[in-house]
Amino acid sequence: MTATLDRLRVGSAPDSWGVWFPDDPQQVPWRRFLDEVAEAGYSWIELGPYGYLPTDPARLREEVGHRGLRVSAGTVFTALHRGPGVWEETWAHVKQVARLTRATGAEHLVAIPSFWRDDRTAEPLEAPDLTAEQWRHLAHGTERLARALLEEYGLRTVVHPHADTHIATEEDVKRFLDATDPDLVGLCLDTGHYAYCGGDSVELIETYGERIGYLHLKQVDPEVLAEVRAHDTPFGPAVARGVMCEPPLGVPALEPVLEAAQKLGADLFAIVEQDMYPCPPDRPLPVALRTRRFLRGCGA
């Protein structure tokens, strides 16, 4: 018997339409994304990269609302491990995204650590591992950011572990969670990225359930992942090779993840993120339709 996952609010994101950048000729136009995400049967969306969707709050609310959609979160990239010297630049950008996110009625901001190697060129940007001092900067800076977002915009911060960043592996995630205030900093568990980096999503939910504030649903093709690991392929080229795949074709199995999240007894967004940049413009909608059908079959 299929469980009823009534604590999970399912949605999708521009990422599932191959959108990684505010403006890129390889990406579908934003109106097409909104039309198709609604056609696929989703009610919730994320804003994606700032500037992809309209940044005028009234226009954005109109475009989203008349398609029967609502916004779950905005997204920012941060480099807080670099210390207090990057705060002003970071906050200037985060404020832009936070204002728009709050104006849509959303209550979450997804914060992704900056890449240590370039996701376009694969060139190393800095060392892949943080020093003890950089870990302290990361923890303190994230708490500062989360406190400011809560006080000034009423937004909850959920940090997104991500491949090719400094919060990626199980060890990284647990170190970060243990170093940050649970009343301020939540986790956006991306099932695909966590599997990509060797983590077990169900175990994480069962161990750190009180920190899970948001979900990204994604799967990894284990055969492609094995090749990626063997050749130390950077994340961008790995996605282009198809390392992320639509469910239920990859890992982790999503049914146990969804059931574990349901058992937390909290209302959670479960946003599909099907990394596939770049992709043909006609590819995302069929994938989205199949994925939504699959999730309904899981009870979500």
C-alpha atoms as a PDB file:
ATOM      1  CA  MET A   1       0.000   0.000   0.000  1.00  0.00           C
ATOM      2  CA  THR A   2       1.372   3.415  -0.993  1.00  0.00           C
ATOM      3  CA  ALA A   3       1.980   5.738   1.956  1.00  0.00           C
ATOM      4  CA  THR A   4       0.361   9.167   1.962  1.00  0.00           C
ATOM      5  CA  LEU A   5       3.149  11.711   2.142  1.00  0.00           C
ATOM      6  CA  ASP A   6       0.965  14.577   3.277  1.00  0.00           C
ATOM      7  CA  ARG A   7       3.768  16.525   4.990  1.00  0.00           C
ATOM      8  CA  LEU A   8       5.682  16.990   1.719  1.00  0.00           C
ATOM      9  CA  ARG A   9       4.963  19.863  -0.672  1.00  0.00           C
ATOM     10  CA  VAL A  10       6.224  18.788  -4.064  1.00  0.00           C
ATOM     11  CA  GLY A  11       7.539  21.252  -6.637  1.00  0.00           C
ATOM     12  CA  SER A  12      10.180  21.748  -9.296  1.00  0.00           C
ATOM     13  CA  ALA A  13      12.771  24.334 -10.254  1.00  0.00           C
ATOM     14  CA  PRO A  14      14.370  26.058 -13.246  1.00  0.00           C
ATOM     15  CA  ASP A  15      17.249  23.606 -12.840  1.00  0.00           C
ATOM     16  CA  SER A  16      14.894  20.848 -14.034  1.00  0.00           C
ATOM     17  CA  TRP A  17      14.576  22.799 -17.294  1.00  0.00           C
ATOM     18  CA  GLY A  18      18.346  23.028 -17.749  1.00  0.00           C
ATOM     19  CA  VAL A  19      18.617  26.532 -16.253  1.00  0.00           C
ATOM     20  CA  TRP A  20      21.858  27.321 -14.434  1.00  0.00           C
ATOM     21  CA  PHE A  21      22.434  30.960 -15.299  1.00  0.00           C
ATOM     22  CA  PRO A  22      20.388  34.189 -15.340  1.00  0.00           C
ATOM     23  CA  ASP A  23      20.799  34.518 -19.098  1.00  0.00           C
ATOM     24  CA  ASP A  24      22.113  31.871 -21.446  1.00  0.00           C
ATOM     25  CA  PRO A  25      21.135  31.117 -25.060  1.00  0.00           C
ATOM     26  CA  GLN A  26      21.178  27.364 -24.315  1.00  0.00           C
ATOM     27  CA  GLN A  27      18.389  27.729 -21.749  1.00  0.00           C
ATOM     28  CA  VAL A  28      14.628  27.798 -22.302  1.00  0.00           C
ATOM     29  CA  PRO A  29      12.987  31.246 -21.977  1.00  0.00           C
ATOM     30  CA  TRP A  30      11.461  31.862 -18.550  1.00  0.00           C
ATOM     31  CA  ARG A  31       7.878  32.036 -19.816  1.00  0.00           C
ATOM     32  CA  ARG A  32       8.246  28.579 -21.318  1.00  0.00           C
ATOM     33  CA  PHE A  33       9.607  27.262 -18.031  1.00  0.00           C
ATOM     34  CA  LEU A  34       6.609  28.636 -16.112  1.00  0.00           C
ATOM     35  CA  ASP A  35       4.139  27.313 -18.671  1.00  0.00           C
ATOM     36  CA  GLU A  36       5.658  23.855 -18.710  1.00  0.00           C
ATOM     37  CA  VAL A  37       6.212  23.456 -14.965  1.00  0.00           C
ATOM     38  CA  ALA A  38       2.513  24.178 -14.485  1.00  0.00           C
ATOM     39  CA  GLU A  39       1.597  21.785 -17.309  1.00  0.00           C
ATOM     40  CA  ALA A  40       3.666  19.068 -15.626  1.00  0.00           C
ATOM     41  CA  GLY A  41       1.445  19.286 -12.573  1.00  0.00           C
ATOM     42  CA  TYR A  42       3.635  21.106 -10.064  1.00  0.00           C
ATOM     43  CA  SER A  43       2.287  23.790  -7.734  1.00  0.00           C
ATOM     44  CA  TRP A  44       5.576  25.081  -6.299  1.00  0.00           C
ATOM     45  CA  ILE A  45       8.725  26.478  -7.911  1.00  0.00           C
ATOM     46  CA  GLU A  46      12.028  27.969  -6.859  1.00  0.00           C
ATOM     47  CA  LEU A  47      13.278  31.238  -8.309  1.00  0.00           C
ATOM     48  CA  GLY A  48      16.458  29.748  -9.744  1.00  0.00           C
ATOM     49  CA  PRO A  49      19.421  32.009 -10.573  1.00  0.00           C
ATOM     50  CA  TYR A  50      18.591  35.628  -9.744  1.00  0.00           C
ATOM     51  CA  GLY A  51      17.601  37.416 -12.936  1.00  0.00           C
ATOM     52  CA  TYR A  52      16.255  34.412 -14.814  1.00  0.00           C
ATOM     53  CA  LEU A  53      12.680  35.068 -13.707  1.00  0.00           C
ATOM     54  CA  PRO A  54      11.437  38.683 -13.545  1.00  0.00           C
ATOM     55  CA  THR A  55      12.953  40.573 -10.617  1.00  0.00           C
ATOM     56  CA  ASP A  56      10.093  43.065 -10.312  1.00  0.00           C
ATOM     57  CA  PRO A  57       8.013  41.607  -7.450  1.00  0.00           C
ATOM     58  CA  ALA A  58       4.610  42.658  -8.817  1.00  0.00           C
ATOM     59  CA  ARG A  59       5.331  41.259 -12.264  1.00  0.00           C
ATOM     60  CA  LEU A  60       6.751  38.029 -10.841  1.00  0.00           C
ATOM     61  CA  ARG A  61       3.745  37.497  -8.588  1.00  0.00           C
ATOM     62  CA  GLU A  62       1.423  38.051 -11.560  1.00  0.00           C
ATOM     63  CA  GLU A  63       3.317  35.690 -13.878  1.00  0.00           C
ATOM     64  CA  VAL A  64       3.534  32.960 -11.261  1.00  0.00           C
ATOM     65  CA  GLY A  65       0.038  33.409  -9.851  1.00  0.00           C
ATOM     66  CA  HIS A  66      -1.954  33.286 -13.065  1.00  0.00           C
ATOM     67  CA  ARG A  67      -0.359  29.907 -13.816  1.00  0.00           C
ATOM     68  CA  GLY A  68      -1.467  28.554 -10.433  1.00  0.00           C
ATOM     69  CA  LEU A  69       2.091  28.440  -9.085  1.00  0.00           C
ATOM     70  CA  ARG A  70       3.668  29.534  -5.803  1.00  0.00           C
ATOM     71  CA  VAL A  71       7.316  30.152  -4.863  1.00  0.00           C
ATOM     72  CA  SER A  72       8.978  27.948  -2.254  1.00  0.00           C
ATOM     73  CA  ALA A  73      12.446  29.546  -2.044  1.00  0.00           C
ATOM     74  CA  GLY A  74      15.150  31.687  -3.536  1.00  0.00           C
ATOM     75  CA  THR A  75      18.760  30.567  -4.028  1.00  0.00           C
ATOM     76  CA  VAL A  76      22.145  32.194  -3.442  1.00  0.00           C
ATOM     77  CA  PHE A  77      25.768  31.105  -3.753  1.00  0.00           C
ATOM     78  CA  THR A  78      28.103  32.200  -0.960  1.00  0.00           C
ATOM     79  CA  ALA A  79      31.835  32.057  -0.195  1.00  0.00           C
ATOM     80  CA  LEU A  80      31.656  32.673   3.537  1.00  0.00           C
ATOM     81  CA  HIS A  81      34.677  30.446   4.233  1.00  0.00           C
ATOM     82  CA  ARG A  82      36.796  33.338   2.948  1.00  0.00           C
ATOM     83  CA  GLY A  83      36.110  35.304   6.110  1.00  0.00           C
ATOM     84  CA  PRO A  84      34.578  38.630   7.173  1.00  0.00           C
ATOM     85  CA  GLY A  85      36.170  40.413   4.226  1.00  0.00           C
ATOM     86  CA  VAL A  86      33.545  39.002   1.843  1.00  0.00           C
ATOM     87  CA  TRP A  87      30.560  39.889   4.035  1.00  0.00           C
ATOM     88  CA  GLU A  88      29.573  43.208   2.438  1.00  0.00           C
ATOM     89  CA  GLU A  89      29.694  41.832  -1.106  1.00  0.00           C
ATOM     90  CA  THR A  90      27.832  38.696  -0.041  1.00  0.00           C
ATOM     91  CA  TRP A  91      25.112  40.569   1.818  1.00  0.00           C
ATOM     92  CA  ALA A  92      24.586  43.030  -1.048  1.00  0.00           C
ATOM     93  CA  HIS A  93      23.707  40.141  -3.366  1.00  0.00           C
ATOM     94  CA  VAL A  94      21.786  38.118  -0.795  1.00  0.00           C
ATOM     95  CA  LYS A  95      19.590  41.121   0.017  1.00  0.00           C
ATOM     96  CA  GLN A  96      18.459  41.344  -3.603  1.00  0.00           C
ATOM     97  CA  VAL A  97      17.418  37.708  -3.647  1.00  0.00           C
ATOM     98  CA  ALA A  98      15.909  37.895  -0.158  1.00  0.00           C
ATOM     99  CA  ARG A  99      13.699  40.878  -1.035  1.00  0.00           C
ATOM    100  CA  LEU A 100      12.313  39.117  -4.093  1.00  0.00           C
ATOM    101  CA  THR A 101      11.901  35.830  -2.251  1.00  0.00           C
ATOM    102  CA  ARG A 102      10.015  37.478   0.611  1.00  0.00           C
ATOM    103  CA  ALA A 103       7.848  39.477  -1.823  1.00  0.00           C
ATOM    104  CA  THR A 104       6.587  36.215  -3.348  1.00  0.00           C
ATOM    105  CA  GLY A 105       5.509  34.910   0.050  1.00  0.00           C
ATOM    106  CA  ALA A 106       8.260  32.290   0.244  1.00  0.00           C
ATOM    107  CA  GLU A 107       9.912  31.595   3.589  1.00  0.00           C
ATOM    108  CA  HIS A 108      13.189  29.851   2.673  1.00  0.00           C
ATOM    109  CA  LEU A 109      16.496  30.840   1.158  1.00  0.00           C
ATOM    110  CA  VAL A 110      18.708  28.035  -0.143  1.00  0.00           C
ATOM    111  CA  ALA A 111      22.395  28.890   0.347  1.00  0.00           C
ATOM    112  CA  ILE A 112      24.911  26.934  -1.751  1.00  0.00           C
ATOM    113  CA  PRO A 113      28.647  27.116  -0.977  1.00  0.00           C
ATOM    114  CA  SER A 114      30.787  28.445  -3.801  1.00  0.00           C
ATOM    115  CA  PHE A 115      32.513  25.999  -6.134  1.00  0.00           C
ATOM    116  CA  TRP A 116      36.195  25.247  -5.551  1.00  0.00           C
ATOM    117  CA  ARG A 117      36.560  24.598  -9.288  1.00  0.00           C
ATOM    118  CA  ASP A 118      34.777  26.373 -12.101  1.00  0.00           C
ATOM    119  CA  ASP A 119      31.591  24.622 -13.215  1.00  0.00           C
ATOM    120  CA  ARG A 120      32.018  25.831 -16.810  1.00  0.00           C
ATOM    121  CA  THR A 121      35.759  25.472 -17.418  1.00  0.00           C
ATOM    122  CA  ALA A 122      36.634  22.939 -14.655  1.00  0.00           C
ATOM    123  CA  GLU A 123      39.630  25.118 -13.718  1.00  0.00           C
ATOM    124  CA  PRO A 124      40.546  24.940 -10.008  1.00  0.00           C
ATOM    125  CA  LEU A 125      39.621  28.157  -8.205  1.00  0.00           C
ATOM    126  CA  GLU A 126      41.013  27.265  -4.766  1.00  0.00           C
ATOM    127  CA  ALA A 127      41.972  24.261  -2.657  1.00  0.00           C
ATOM    128  CA  PRO A 128      39.269  21.560  -2.395  1.00  0.00           C
ATOM    129  CA  ASP A 129      39.711  21.255   1.384  1.00  0.00           C
ATOM    130  CA  LEU A 130      39.238  23.964   3.987  1.00  0.00           C
ATOM    131  CA  THR A 131      41.671  24.813   6.763  1.00  0.00           C
ATOM    132  CA  ALA A 132      40.450  24.843  10.360  1.00  0.00           C
ATOM    133  CA  GLU A 133      40.294  28.646  10.214  1.00  0.00           C
ATOM    134  CA  GLN A 134      38.221  28.528   7.008  1.00  0.00           C
ATOM    135  CA  TRP A 135      35.801  26.088   8.648  1.00  0.00           C
ATOM    136  CA  ARG A 136      35.347  28.578  11.497  1.00  0.00           C
ATOM    137  CA  HIS A 137      34.743  31.374   8.996  1.00  0.00           C
ATOM    138  CA  LEU A 138      32.196  29.212   7.187  1.00  0.00           C
ATOM    139  CA  ALA A 139      30.272  28.326  10.350  1.00  0.00           C
ATOM    140  CA  HIS A 140      30.293  31.825  11.840  1.00  0.00           C
ATOM    141  CA  GLY A 141      29.543  33.507   8.520  1.00  0.00           C
ATOM    142  CA  THR A 142      26.611  31.194   7.828  1.00  0.00           C
ATOM    143  CA  GLU A 143      25.157  31.861  11.285  1.00  0.00           C
ATOM    144  CA  ARG A 144      25.541  35.603  10.697  1.00  0.00           C
ATOM    145  CA  LEU A 145      23.809  35.302   7.340  1.00  0.00           C
ATOM    146  CA  ALA A 146      20.996  33.167   8.738  1.00  0.00           C
ATOM    147  CA  ARG A 147      20.422  35.549  11.637  1.00  0.00           C
ATOM    148  CA  ALA A 148      20.283  38.574   9.333  1.00  0.00           C
ATOM    149  CA  LEU A 149      17.898  36.864   6.908  1.00  0.00           C
ATOM    150  CA  LEU A 150      15.579  35.834   9.736  1.00  0.00           C
ATOM    151  CA  GLU A 151      15.584  39.224  11.428  1.00  0.00           C
ATOM    152  CA  GLU A 152      15.318  41.414   8.323  1.00  0.00           C
ATOM    153  CA  TYR A 153      13.272  39.262   5.938  1.00  0.00           C
ATOM    154  CA  GLY A 154      11.700  36.480   7.997  1.00  0.00           C
ATOM    155  CA  LEU A 155      13.472  33.876   5.875  1.00  0.00           C
ATOM    156  CA  ARG A 156      14.825  30.547   7.090  1.00  0.00           C
ATOM    157  CA  THR A 157      18.278  29.639   5.766  1.00  0.00           C
ATOM    158  CA  VAL A 158      18.857  26.103   4.509  1.00  0.00           C
ATOM    159  CA  VAL A 159      22.370  25.248   3.376  1.00  0.00           C
ATOM    160  CA  HIS A 160      22.683  22.991   0.330  1.00  0.00           C
ATOM    161  CA  PRO A 161      25.598  20.512   0.264  1.00  0.00           C
ATOM    162  CA  HIS A 162      26.773  20.400  -3.344  1.00  0.00           C
ATOM    163  CA  ALA A 163      29.332  18.536  -5.427  1.00  0.00           C
ATOM    164  CA  ASP A 164      32.593  20.407  -6.046  1.00  0.00           C
ATOM    165  CA  THR A 165      32.033  22.662  -3.022  1.00  0.00           C
ATOM    166  CA  HIS A 166      33.454  22.527   0.476  1.00  0.00           C
ATOM    167  CA  ILE A 167      30.256  21.022   1.922  1.00  0.00           C
ATOM    168  CA  ALA A 168      29.820  17.877  -0.135  1.00  0.00           C
ATOM    169  CA  THR A 169      30.637  14.597   1.597  1.00  0.00           C
ATOM    170  CA  GLU A 170      29.003  13.004   4.637  1.00  0.00           C
ATOM    171  CA  GLU A 171      32.006  14.106   6.717  1.00  0.00           C
ATOM    172  CA  ASP A 172      31.676  17.694   5.476  1.00  0.00           C
ATOM    173  CA  VAL A 173      27.959  17.824   6.162  1.00  0.00           C
ATOM    174  CA  LYS A 174      28.206  16.452   9.682  1.00  0.00           C
ATOM    175  CA  ARG A 175      31.117  18.738  10.532  1.00  0.00           C
ATOM    176  CA  PHE A 176      29.163  21.734   9.279  1.00  0.00           C
ATOM    177  CA  LEU A 177      25.974  20.799  11.151  1.00  0.00           C
ATOM    178  CA  ASP A 178      27.870  20.162  14.374  1.00  0.00           C
ATOM    179  CA  ALA A 179      29.550  23.576  14.067  1.00  0.00           C
ATOM    180  CA  THR A 180      26.404  25.654  13.484  1.00  0.00           C
ATOM    181  CA  ASP A 181      23.420  26.712  15.583  1.00  0.00           C
ATOM    182  CA  PRO A 182      20.426  24.441  14.883  1.00  0.00           C
ATOM    183  CA  ASP A 183      18.043  27.289  15.728  1.00  0.00           C
ATOM    184  CA  LEU A 184      19.482  29.343  12.880  1.00  0.00           C
ATOM    185  CA  VAL A 185      20.909  27.055  10.211  1.00  0.00           C
ATOM    186  CA  GLY A 186      18.959  24.281   8.519  1.00  0.00           C
ATOM    187  CA  LEU A 187      19.937  21.870   5.789  1.00  0.00           C
ATOM    188  CA  CYS A 188      18.634  21.529   2.260  1.00  0.00           C
ATOM    189  CA  LEU A 189      19.265  17.845   1.609  1.00  0.00           C
ATOM    190  CA  ASP A 190      19.773  17.257  -2.087  1.00  0.00           C
ATOM    191  CA  THR A 191      19.478  13.508  -2.524  1.00  0.00           C
ATOM    192  CA  GLY A 192      21.391  13.513  -5.802  1.00  0.00           C
ATOM    193  CA  HIS A 193      24.340  15.597  -4.661  1.00  0.00           C
ATOM    194  CA  TYR A 194      24.586  13.642  -1.420  1.00  0.00           C
ATOM    195  CA  ALA A 195      24.648  10.326  -3.314  1.00  0.00           C
ATOM    196  CA  TYR A 196      27.109  11.796  -5.844  1.00  0.00           C
ATOM    197  CA  CYS A 197      29.465  12.461  -2.929  1.00  0.00           C
ATOM    198  CA  GLY A 198      28.911   9.084  -1.263  1.00  0.00           C
ATOM    199  CA  GLY A 199      26.323   9.952   1.388  1.00  0.00           C
ATOM    200  CA  ASP A 200      23.209   8.059   2.525  1.00  0.00           C
ATOM    201  CA  SER A 201      20.169  10.355   2.558  1.00  0.00           C
ATOM    202  CA  VAL A 202      17.984   8.113   4.715  1.00  0.00           C
ATOM    203  CA  GLU A 203      20.709   7.802   7.341  1.00  0.00           C
ATOM    204  CA  LEU A 204      21.196  11.566   7.370  1.00  0.00           C
ATOM    205  CA  ILE A 205      17.470  12.187   7.816  1.00  0.00           C
ATOM    206  CA  GLU A 206      17.292   9.650  10.632  1.00  0.00           C
ATOM    207  CA  THR A 207      20.406  11.045  12.361  1.00  0.00           C
ATOM    208  CA  TYR A 208      20.027  14.794  11.807  1.00  0.00           C
ATOM    209  CA  GLY A 209      16.288  14.995  11.186  1.00  0.00           C
ATOM    210  CA  GLU A 210      15.816  18.154  13.228  1.00  0.00           C
ATOM    211  CA  ARG A 211      18.215  19.978  10.885  1.00  0.00           C
ATOM    212  CA  ILE A 212      16.476  18.973   7.649  1.00  0.00           C
ATOM    213  CA  GLY A 213      14.497  22.026   6.604  1.00  0.00           C
ATOM    214  CA  TYR A 214      14.106  21.417   2.884  1.00  0.00           C
ATOM    215  CA  LEU A 215      14.570  18.678   0.278  1.00  0.00           C
ATOM    216  CA  HIS A 216      15.815  18.586  -3.286  1.00  0.00           C
ATOM    217  CA  LEU A 217      14.843  15.379  -5.051  1.00  0.00           C
ATOM    218  CA  LYS A 218      17.361  14.038  -7.537  1.00  0.00           C
ATOM    219  CA  GLN A 219      18.960  10.779  -8.602  1.00  0.00           C
ATOM    220  CA  VAL A 220      22.393   9.766  -9.880  1.00  0.00           C
ATOM    221  CA  ASP A 221      23.178   7.265 -12.635  1.00  0.00           C
ATOM    222  CA  PRO A 222      25.590   4.878 -10.840  1.00  0.00           C
ATOM    223  CA  GLU A 223      27.377   3.801 -14.020  1.00  0.00           C
ATOM    224  CA  VAL A 224      28.098   7.360 -15.116  1.00  0.00           C
ATOM    225  CA  LEU A 225      29.035   8.265 -11.531  1.00  0.00           C
ATOM    226  CA  ALA A 226      31.619   5.456 -11.480  1.00  0.00           C
ATOM    227  CA  GLU A 227      33.218   6.921 -14.625  1.00  0.00           C
ATOM    228  CA  VAL A 228      33.089  10.422 -13.158  1.00  0.00           C
ATOM    229  CA  ARG A 229      34.848   9.262 -10.009  1.00  0.00           C
ATOM    230  CA  ALA A 230      37.421   7.247 -11.951  1.00  0.00           C
ATOM    231  CA  HIS A 231      38.392  10.285 -14.023  1.00  0.00           C
ATOM    232  CA  ASP A 232      37.813  12.968 -11.345  1.00  0.00           C
ATOM    233  CA  THR A 233      35.420  14.687 -13.752  1.00  0.00           C
ATOM    234  CA  PRO A 234      34.232  18.108 -12.540  1.00  0.00           C
ATOM    235  CA  PHE A 235      30.554  18.533 -11.801  1.00  0.00           C
ATOM    236  CA  GLY A 236      29.607  20.625 -14.848  1.00  0.00           C
ATOM    237  CA  PRO A 237      31.011  18.168 -17.419  1.00  0.00           C
ATOM    238  CA  ALA A 238      29.610  15.285 -15.347  1.00  0.00           C
ATOM    239  CA  VAL A 239      26.109  16.714 -15.669  1.00  0.00           C
ATOM    240  CA  ALA A 240      26.609  17.165 -19.403  1.00  0.00           C
ATOM    241  CA  ARG A 241      27.467  13.432 -19.534  1.00  0.00           C
ATOM    242  CA  GLY A 242      24.193  12.567 -17.792  1.00  0.00           C
ATOM    243  CA  VAL A 243      25.351  11.781 -14.257  1.00  0.00           C
ATOM    244  CA  MET A 244      22.007  13.008 -12.925  1.00  0.00           C
ATOM    245  CA  CYS A 245      19.048  10.984 -14.170  1.00  0.00           C
ATOM    246  CA  GLU A 246      15.298  11.000 -13.796  1.00  0.00           C
ATOM    247  CA  PRO A 247      13.688   8.752 -11.204  1.00  0.00           C
ATOM    248  CA  PRO A 248      13.341   5.868 -10.763  1.00  0.00           C
ATOM    249  CA  LEU A 249      16.341   5.092 -12.979  1.00  0.00           C
ATOM    250  CA  GLY A 250      19.097   5.975 -10.510  1.00  0.00           C
ATOM    251  CA  VAL A 251      20.107   6.176  -6.860  1.00  0.00           C
ATOM    252  CA  PRO A 252      19.165   6.768  -4.146  1.00  0.00           C
ATOM    253  CA  ALA A 253      15.760   5.105  -4.243  1.00  0.00           C
ATOM    254  CA  LEU A 254      13.396   7.964  -3.467  1.00  0.00           C
ATOM    255  CA  GLU A 255      10.612   6.010  -1.765  1.00  0.00           C
ATOM    256  CA  PRO A 256      12.612   5.380   1.468  1.00  0.00           C
ATOM    257  CA  VAL A 257      13.868   8.978   1.443  1.00  0.00           C
ATOM    258  CA  LEU A 258      10.342  10.365   1.160  1.00  0.00           C
ATOM    259  CA  GLU A 259       9.042   8.019   3.847  1.00  0.00           C
ATOM    260  CA  ALA A 260      11.877   8.988   6.217  1.00  0.00           C
ATOM    261  CA  ALA A 261      11.132  12.669   5.603  1.00  0.00           C
ATOM    262  CA  GLN A 262       7.417  12.104   6.251  1.00  0.00           C
ATOM    263  CA  LYS A 263       8.252  10.500   9.603  1.00  0.00           C
ATOM    264  CA  LEU A 264       9.916  13.717  10.759  1.00  0.00           C
ATOM    265  CA  GLY A 265       6.412  15.099  11.272  1.00  0.00           C
ATOM    266  CA  ALA A 266       7.262  18.495   9.783  1.00  0.00           C
ATOM    267  CA  ASP A 267       5.967  20.215   6.662  1.00  0.00           C
ATOM    268  CA  LEU A 268       8.790  20.097   4.129  1.00  0.00           C
ATOM    269  CA  PHE A 269       9.222  21.231   0.573  1.00  0.00           C
ATOM    270  CA  ALA A 270      10.396  18.435  -1.713  1.00  0.00           C
ATOM    271  CA  ILE A 271      11.570  20.191  -4.861  1.00  0.00           C
ATOM    272  CA  VAL A 272      12.621  18.200  -7.920  1.00  0.00           C
ATOM    273  CA  GLU A 273      15.947  19.326  -9.353  1.00  0.00           C
ATOM    274  CA  GLN A 274      16.892  17.442 -12.504  1.00  0.00           C
ATOM    275  CA  ASP A 275      20.359  18.724 -13.352  1.00  0.00           C
ATOM    276  CA  MET A 276      20.740  18.605 -17.117  1.00  0.00           C
ATOM    277  CA  TYR A 277      22.547  21.685 -18.357  1.00  0.00           C
ATOM    278  CA  PRO A 278      22.799  22.030 -21.281  1.00  0.00           C
ATOM    279  CA  CYS A 279      19.840  20.203 -22.771  1.00  0.00           C
ATOM    280  CA  PRO A 280      17.598  20.429 -25.855  1.00  0.00           C
ATOM    281  CA  PRO A 281      14.572  22.687 -25.167  1.00  0.00           C
ATOM    282  CA  ASP A 282      12.077  19.895 -25.822  1.00  0.00           C
ATOM    283  CA  ARG A 283      13.623  17.477 -23.315  1.00  0.00           C
ATOM    284  CA  PRO A 284      12.564  18.888 -19.900  1.00  0.00           C
ATOM    285  CA  LEU A 285       8.765  18.713 -20.150  1.00  0.00           C
ATOM    286  CA  PRO A 286       8.490  14.947 -20.867  1.00  0.00           C
ATOM    287  CA  VAL A 287      10.957  14.256 -18.051  1.00  0.00           C
ATOM    288  CA  ALA A 288       8.971  16.493 -15.707  1.00  0.00           C
ATOM    289  CA  LEU A 289       5.681  14.783 -16.594  1.00  0.00           C
ATOM    290  CA  ARG A 290       7.154  11.346 -15.946  1.00  0.00           C
ATOM    291  CA  THR A 291       8.784  12.473 -12.697  1.00  0.00           C
ATOM    292  CA  ARG A 292       5.569  14.005 -11.368  1.00  0.00           C
ATOM    293  CA  ARG A 293       3.716  10.788 -12.233  1.00  0.00           C
ATOM    294  CA  PHE A 294       6.361   8.755 -10.413  1.00  0.00           C
ATOM    295  CA  LEU A 295       6.149  10.916  -7.281  1.00  0.00           C
ATOM    296  CA  ARG A 296       2.370  10.633  -7.224  1.00  0.00           C
ATOM    297  CA  GLY A 297       2.861   6.887  -7.337  1.00  0.00           C
ATOM    298  CA  CYS A 298       5.022   7.221  -4.230  1.00  0.00           C
ATOM    299  CA  GLY A 299       2.209   9.070  -2.457  1.00  0.00           C
ATOM    300  CA  ALA A 300       3.617  12.580  -2.864  1.00  0.00           C
END
